[in-house]
């Protein structure tokens, strides 16, 4: 149902694969930024980076499903 809706909206697998790679880049950027904040806020900043890093496989797999639909 989600894949059909995305396909009808014009989203293609390459869009989601690029978004997945962007998520990895954002995760790395947030992780590097977490090393520059003080110790009190570092844990929260690292958790934020890990949370964003978890988006990548999910978005990639949705893109793979959409690729099979194409």
PDB file of N, CA and C in Angstrom:
ATOM      1  N   UNK A   1       0.820  -1.176   0.000  1.00  0.00           N
ATOM      2  CA  UNK A   1       0.000   0.000   0.000  1.00  0.00           C
ATOM      3  C   UNK A   1       0.879   1.261   0.000  1.00  0.00           C
ATOM      4  N   UNK A   2       1.895   1.284   0.858  1.00  0.00           N
ATOM      5  CA  UNK A   2       2.808   2.426   0.902  1.00  0.00           C
ATOM      6  C   UNK A   2       3.581   2.548  -0.409  1.00  0.00           C
ATOM      7  N   UNK A   3       4.034   1.414  -0.923  1.00  0.00           N
ATOM      8  CA  UNK A   3       4.822   1.417  -2.153  1.00  0.00           C
ATOM      9  C   UNK A   3       3.974   1.918  -3.315  1.00  0.00           C
ATOM     10  N   UNK A   4       2.727   1.482  -3.384  1.00  0.00           N
ATOM     11  CA  UNK A   4       1.827   1.940  -4.442  1.00  0.00           C
ATOM     12  C   UNK A   4       1.581   3.432  -4.333  1.00  0.00           C
ATOM     13  N   UNK A   5       1.372   3.922  -3.121  1.00  0.00           N
ATOM     14  CA  UNK A   5       1.139   5.356  -2.916  1.00  0.00           C
ATOM     15  C   UNK A   5       2.364   6.171  -3.316  1.00  0.00           C
ATOM     16  N   UNK A   6       3.548   5.716  -2.934  1.00  0.00           N
ATOM     17  CA  UNK A   6       4.767   6.431  -3.318  1.00  0.00           C
ATOM     18  C   UNK A   6       4.952   6.428  -4.833  1.00  0.00           C
ATOM     19  N   UNK A   7       4.670   5.293  -5.450  1.00  0.00           N
ATOM     20  CA  UNK A   7       4.811   5.193  -6.902  1.00  0.00           C
ATOM     21  C   UNK A   7       3.830   6.129  -7.612  1.00  0.00           C
ATOM     22  N   UNK A   8       2.618   6.196  -7.107  1.00  0.00           N
ATOM     23  CA  UNK A   8       1.615   7.087  -7.696  1.00  0.00           C
ATOM     24  C   UNK A   8       1.973   8.557  -7.504  1.00  0.00           C
ATOM     25  N   UNK A   9       2.696   8.864  -6.460  1.00  0.00           N
ATOM     26  CA  UNK A   9       3.136  10.240  -6.226  1.00  0.00           C
ATOM     27  C   UNK A   9       4.335  10.637  -7.080  1.00  0.00           C
ATOM     28  N   UNK A  10       4.926   9.665  -7.772  1.00  0.00           N
ATOM     29  CA  UNK A  10       6.060   9.965  -8.640  1.00  0.00           C
ATOM     30  C   UNK A  10       7.406   9.748  -7.998  1.00  0.00           C
ATOM     31  N   UNK A  11       7.425   9.169  -6.811  1.00  0.00           N
ATOM     32  CA  UNK A  11       8.688   8.888  -6.143  1.00  0.00           C
ATOM     33  C   UNK A  11       9.289   7.639  -6.786  1.00  0.00           C
ATOM     34  N   UNK A  12      10.554   7.696  -7.104  1.00  0.00           N
ATOM     35  CA  UNK A  12      11.242   6.562  -7.710  1.00  0.00           C
ATOM     36  C   UNK A  12      12.288   6.025  -6.745  1.00  0.00           C
ATOM     37  N   UNK A  13      12.752   4.829  -7.023  1.00  0.00           N
ATOM     38  CA  UNK A  13      13.692   4.169  -6.112  1.00  0.00           C
ATOM     39  C   UNK A  13      14.980   4.962  -5.949  1.00  0.00           C
ATOM     40  N   UNK A  14      15.422   5.601  -7.011  1.00  0.00           N
ATOM     41  CA  UNK A  14      16.675   6.369  -6.920  1.00  0.00           C
ATOM     42  C   UNK A  14      16.521   7.529  -5.940  1.00  0.00           C
ATOM     43  N   UNK A  15      15.327   8.097  -5.827  1.00  0.00           N
ATOM     44  CA  UNK A  15      15.103   9.195  -4.884  1.00  0.00           C
ATOM     45  C   UNK A  15      15.293   8.703  -3.446  1.00  0.00           C
ATOM     46  N   UNK A  16      14.752   7.532  -3.169  1.00  0.00           N
ATOM     47  CA  UNK A  16      14.877   7.004  -1.814  1.00  0.00           C
ATOM     48  C   UNK A  16      16.290   6.518  -1.523  1.00  0.00           C
ATOM     49  N   UNK A  17      16.969   6.007  -2.517  1.00  0.00           N
ATOM     50  CA  UNK A  17      18.349   5.585  -2.300  1.00  0.00           C
ATOM     51  C   UNK A  17      19.245   6.789  -2.035  1.00  0.00           C
ATOM     52  N   UNK A  18      19.000   7.887  -2.720  1.00  0.00           N
ATOM     53  CA  UNK A  18      19.762   9.112  -2.449  1.00  0.00           C
ATOM     54  C   UNK A  18      19.423   9.677  -1.073  1.00  0.00           C
ATOM     55  N   UNK A  19      18.154   9.587  -0.687  1.00  0.00           N
ATOM     56  CA  UNK A  19      17.768  10.037   0.652  1.00  0.00           C
ATOM     57  C   UNK A  19      18.439   9.185   1.723  1.00  0.00           C
ATOM     58  N   UNK A  20      18.579   7.900   1.460  1.00  0.00           N
ATOM     59  CA  UNK A  20      19.256   7.007   2.396  1.00  0.00           C
ATOM     60  C   UNK A  20      20.725   7.398   2.554  1.00  0.00           C
ATOM     61  N   UNK A  21      21.382   7.673   1.440  1.00  0.00           N
ATOM     62  CA  UNK A  21      22.777   8.111   1.511  1.00  0.00           C
ATOM     63  C   UNK A  21      22.894   9.465   2.203  1.00  0.00           C
ATOM     64  N   UNK A  22      21.916  10.328   1.983  1.00  0.00           N
ATOM     65  CA  UNK A  22      21.890  11.614   2.679  1.00  0.00           C
ATOM     66  C   UNK A  22      21.741  11.431   4.179  1.00  0.00           C
ATOM     67  N   UNK A  23      20.968  10.440   4.579  1.00  0.00           N
ATOM     68  CA  UNK A  23      20.805  10.137   5.991  1.00  0.00           C
ATOM     69  C   UNK A  23      22.128   9.700   6.618  1.00  0.00           C
ATOM     70  N   UNK A  24      22.902   8.926   5.880  1.00  0.00           N
ATOM     71  CA  UNK A  24      24.214   8.514   6.379  1.00  0.00           C
ATOM     72  C   UNK A  24      25.114   9.744   6.537  1.00  0.00           C
ATOM     73  N   UNK A  25      25.096  10.624   5.548  1.00  0.00           N
ATOM     74  CA  UNK A  25      25.896  11.847   5.625  1.00  0.00           C
ATOM     75  C   UNK A  25      25.476  12.733   6.785  1.00  0.00           C
ATOM     76  N   UNK A  26      24.161  12.852   7.001  1.00  0.00           N
ATOM     77  CA  UNK A  26      23.667  13.640   8.124  1.00  0.00           C
ATOM     78  C   UNK A  26      24.079  13.018   9.446  1.00  0.00           C
ATOM     79  N   UNK A  27      24.027  11.702   9.521  1.00  0.00           N
ATOM     80  CA  UNK A  27      24.453  10.996  10.735  1.00  0.00           C
ATOM     81  C   UNK A  27      25.914  11.283  11.041  1.00  0.00           C
ATOM     82  N   UNK A  28      26.757  11.200  10.029  1.00  0.00           N
ATOM     83  CA  UNK A  28      28.186  11.470  10.231  1.00  0.00           C
ATOM     84  C   UNK A  28      28.400  12.911  10.662  1.00  0.00           C
ATOM     85  N   UNK A  29      27.680  13.836  10.029  1.00  0.00           N
ATOM     86  CA  UNK A  29      27.793  15.244  10.413  1.00  0.00           C
ATOM     87  C   UNK A  29      27.359  15.487  11.850  1.00  0.00           C
ATOM     88  N   UNK A  30      26.253  14.857  12.253  1.00  0.00           N
ATOM     89  CA  UNK A  30      25.792  15.012  13.633  1.00  0.00           C
ATOM     90  C   UNK A  30      26.765  14.376  14.622  1.00  0.00           C
ATOM     91  N   UNK A  31      27.356  13.261  14.222  1.00  0.00           N
ATOM     92  CA  UNK A  31      28.313  12.585  15.107  1.00  0.00           C
ATOM     93  C   UNK A  31      29.560  13.454  15.313  1.00  0.00           C
ATOM     94  N   UNK A  32      30.051  14.047  14.233  1.00  0.00           N
ATOM     95  CA  UNK A  32      31.215  14.934  14.341  1.00  0.00           C
ATOM     96  C   UNK A  32      30.870  16.144  15.196  1.00  0.00           C
ATOM     97  N   UNK A  33      29.670  16.688  14.993  1.00  0.00           N
ATOM     98  CA  UNK A  33      29.241  17.834  15.785  1.00  0.00           C
ATOM     99  C   UNK A  33      29.115  17.453  17.262  1.00  0.00           C
ATOM    100  N   UNK A  34      28.697  16.211  17.537  1.00  0.00           N
ATOM    101  CA  UNK A  34      28.557  15.768  18.930  1.00  0.00           C
ATOM    102  C   UNK A  34      29.889  15.789  19.658  1.00  0.00           C
ATOM    103  N   UNK A  35      30.975  15.619  18.928  1.00  0.00           N
ATOM    104  CA  UNK A  35      32.296  15.623  19.571  1.00  0.00           C
ATOM    105  C   UNK A  35      32.743  17.028  19.950  1.00  0.00           C
ATOM    106  N   UNK A  36      32.038  18.059  19.437  1.00  0.00           N
ATOM    107  CA  UNK A  36      32.442  19.429  19.718  1.00  0.00           C
ATOM    108  C   UNK A  36      31.645  20.050  20.862  1.00  0.00           C
ATOM    109  N   UNK A  37      30.561  19.398  21.317  1.00  0.00           N
ATOM    110  CA  UNK A  37      29.768  19.981  22.400  1.00  0.00           C
ATOM    111  C   UNK A  37      30.331  19.539  23.738  1.00  0.00           C
ATOM    112  N   UNK A  38      29.903  20.214  24.801  1.00  0.00           N
ATOM    113  CA  UNK A  38      30.432  19.873  26.114  1.00  0.00           C
ATOM    114  C   UNK A  38      29.900  18.517  26.583  1.00  0.00           C
ATOM    115  N   UNK A  39      30.496  18.004  27.626  1.00  0.00           N
ATOM    116  CA  UNK A  39      30.232  16.637  28.092  1.00  0.00           C
ATOM    117  C   UNK A  39      28.779  16.434  28.500  1.00  0.00           C
ATOM    118  N   UNK A  40      28.125  17.451  29.038  1.00  0.00           N
ATOM    119  CA  UNK A  40      26.749  17.322  29.499  1.00  0.00           C
ATOM    120  C   UNK A  40      25.782  17.058  28.344  1.00  0.00           C
ATOM    121  N   UNK A  41      26.022  17.651  27.207  1.00  0.00           N
ATOM    122  CA  UNK A  41      25.123  17.515  26.061  1.00  0.00           C
ATOM    123  C   UNK A  41      25.589  16.449  25.062  1.00  0.00           C
ATOM    124  N   UNK A  42      26.756  15.891  25.261  1.00  0.00           N
ATOM    125  CA  UNK A  42      27.321  14.953  24.290  1.00  0.00           C
ATOM    126  C   UNK A  42      26.477  13.693  24.135  1.00  0.00           C
ATOM    127  N   UNK A  43      25.975  13.137  25.217  1.00  0.00           N
ATOM    128  CA  UNK A  43      25.177  11.926  25.147  1.00  0.00           C
ATOM    129  C   UNK A  43      23.930  12.115  24.300  1.00  0.00           C
ATOM    130  N   UNK A  44      23.256  13.238  24.501  1.00  0.00           N
ATOM    131  CA  UNK A  44      22.053  13.514  23.724  1.00  0.00           C
ATOM    132  C   UNK A  44      22.399  13.714  22.252  1.00  0.00           C
ATOM    133  N   UNK A  45      23.489  14.386  21.969  1.00  0.00           N
ATOM    134  CA  UNK A  45      23.895  14.630  20.580  1.00  0.00           C
ATOM    135  C   UNK A  45      24.292  13.329  19.896  1.00  0.00           C
ATOM    136  N   UNK A  46      24.956  12.435  20.619  1.00  0.00           N
ATOM    137  CA  UNK A  46      25.327  11.142  20.037  1.00  0.00           C
ATOM    138  C   UNK A  46      24.097  10.278  19.779  1.00  0.00           C
ATOM    139  N   UNK A  47      23.138  10.311  20.691  1.00  0.00           N
ATOM    140  CA  UNK A  47      21.892   9.554  20.472  1.00  0.00           C
ATOM    141  C   UNK A  47      21.133  10.078  19.267  1.00  0.00           C
ATOM    142  N   UNK A  48      21.148  11.387  19.069  1.00  0.00           N
ATOM    143  CA  UNK A  48      20.494  11.976  17.898  1.00  0.00           C
ATOM    144  C   UNK A  48      21.169  11.494  16.614  1.00  0.00           C
ATOM    145  N   UNK A  49      22.481  11.432  16.615  1.00  0.00           N
ATOM    146  CA  UNK A  49      23.209  10.959  15.433  1.00  0.00           C
ATOM    147  C   UNK A  49      22.890   9.493  15.151  1.00  0.00           C
ATOM    148  N   UNK A  50      22.831   8.675  16.187  1.00  0.00           N
ATOM    149  CA  UNK A  50      22.497   7.266  16.001  1.00  0.00           C
ATOM    150  C   UNK A  50      21.067   7.093  15.510  1.00  0.00           C
ATOM    151  N   UNK A  51      20.149   7.901  16.011  1.00  0.00           N
ATOM    152  CA  UNK A  51      18.756   7.834  15.576  1.00  0.00           C
ATOM    153  C   UNK A  51      18.639   8.133  14.088  1.00  0.00           C
ATOM    154  N   UNK A  52      19.312   9.168  13.640  1.00  0.00           N
ATOM    155  CA  UNK A  52      19.285   9.501  12.218  1.00  0.00           C
ATOM    156  C   UNK A  52      19.965   8.407  11.399  1.00  0.00           C
ATOM    157  N   UNK A  53      20.995   7.796  11.938  1.00  0.00           N
ATOM    158  CA  UNK A  53      21.675   6.713  11.246  1.00  0.00           C
ATOM    159  C   UNK A  53      20.791   5.488  11.044  1.00  0.00           C
ATOM    160  N   UNK A  54      19.804   5.304  11.903  1.00  0.00           N
ATOM    161  CA  UNK A  54      18.889   4.182  11.754  1.00  0.00           C
ATOM    162  C   UNK A  54      17.888   4.386  10.624  1.00  0.00           C
ATOM    163  N   UNK A  55      17.745   5.609  10.134  1.00  0.00           N
ATOM    164  CA  UNK A  55      16.834   5.860   9.019  1.00  0.00           C
ATOM    165  C   UNK A  55      17.339   5.226   7.732  1.00  0.00           C
ATOM    166  N   UNK A  56      18.642   5.196   7.552  1.00  0.00           N
ATOM    167  CA  UNK A  56      19.233   4.783   6.271  1.00  0.00           C
ATOM    168  C   UNK A  56      18.778   3.403   5.802  1.00  0.00           C
ATOM    169  N   UNK A  57      18.864   2.354   6.611  1.00  0.00           N
ATOM    170  CA  UNK A  57      18.440   1.048   6.099  1.00  0.00           C
ATOM    171  C   UNK A  57      16.949   0.981   5.800  1.00  0.00           C
ATOM    172  N   UNK A  58      16.150   1.670   6.598  1.00  0.00           N
ATOM    173  CA  UNK A  58      14.710   1.658   6.364  1.00  0.00           C
ATOM    174  C   UNK A  58      14.372   2.323   5.031  1.00  0.00           C
ATOM    175  N   UNK A  59      14.947   3.481   4.795  1.00  0.00           N
ATOM    176  CA  UNK A  59      14.681   4.200   3.542  1.00  0.00           C
ATOM    177  C   UNK A  59      15.211   3.399   2.361  1.00  0.00           C
ATOM    178  N   UNK A  60      16.382   2.797   2.518  1.00  0.00           N
ATOM    179  CA  UNK A  60      16.966   1.995   1.437  1.00  0.00           C
ATOM    180  C   UNK A  60      16.065   0.810   1.080  1.00  0.00           C
ATOM    181  N   UNK A  61      15.528   0.124   2.090  1.00  0.00           N
ATOM    182  CA  UNK A  61      14.667  -1.032   1.831  1.00  0.00           C
ATOM    183  C   UNK A  61      13.342  -0.619   1.201  1.00  0.00           C
ATOM    184  N   UNK A  62      12.807   0.518   1.568  1.00  0.00           N
ATOM    185  CA  UNK A  62      11.604   1.015   0.899  1.00  0.00           C
ATOM    186  C   UNK A  62      11.933   1.309  -0.558  1.00  0.00           C
ATOM    187  N   UNK A  63      13.110   1.867  -0.827  1.00  0.00           N
ATOM    188  CA  UNK A  63      13.552   2.117  -2.195  1.00  0.00           C
ATOM    189  C   UNK A  63      13.700   0.834  -2.985  1.00  0.00           C
ATOM    190  N   UNK A  64      14.215  -0.226  -2.349  1.00  0.00           N
ATOM    191  CA  UNK A  64      14.320  -1.522  -3.032  1.00  0.00           C
ATOM    192  C   UNK A  64      12.942  -2.073  -3.384  1.00  0.00           C
ATOM    193  N   UNK A  65      11.992  -1.950  -2.468  1.00  0.00           N
ATOM    194  CA  UNK A  65      10.636  -2.403  -2.747  1.00  0.00           C
ATOM    195  C   UNK A  65      10.026  -1.621  -3.899  1.00  0.00           C
ATOM    196  N   UNK A  66      10.307  -0.344  -3.920  1.00  0.00           N
ATOM    197  CA  UNK A  66       9.798   0.500  -5.003  1.00  0.00           C
ATOM    198  C   UNK A  66      10.473   0.143  -6.322  1.00  0.00           C
ATOM    199  N   UNK A  67      11.733  -0.245  -6.277  1.00  0.00           N
ATOM    200  CA  UNK A  67      12.453  -0.663  -7.489  1.00  0.00           C
ATOM    201  C   UNK A  67      11.816  -1.930  -8.086  1.00  0.00           C
ATOM    202  N   UNK A  68      11.396  -2.834  -7.240  1.00  0.00           N
ATOM    203  CA  UNK A  68      10.725  -4.044  -7.739  1.00  0.00           C
ATOM    204  C   UNK A  68       9.375  -3.693  -8.369  1.00  0.00           C
ATOM    205  N   UNK A  69       8.737  -2.644  -7.872  1.00  0.00           N
ATOM    206  CA  UNK A  69       7.451  -2.192  -8.429  1.00  0.00           C
ATOM    207  C   UNK A  69       7.651  -1.555  -9.800  1.00  0.00           C
ATOM    208  N   UNK A  70       8.774  -0.881  -9.976  1.00  0.00           N
ATOM    209  CA  UNK A  70       9.058  -0.225 -11.254  1.00  0.00           C
ATOM    210  C   UNK A  70       9.342  -1.296 -12.276  1.00  0.00           C
TER     211      UNK A  70
END
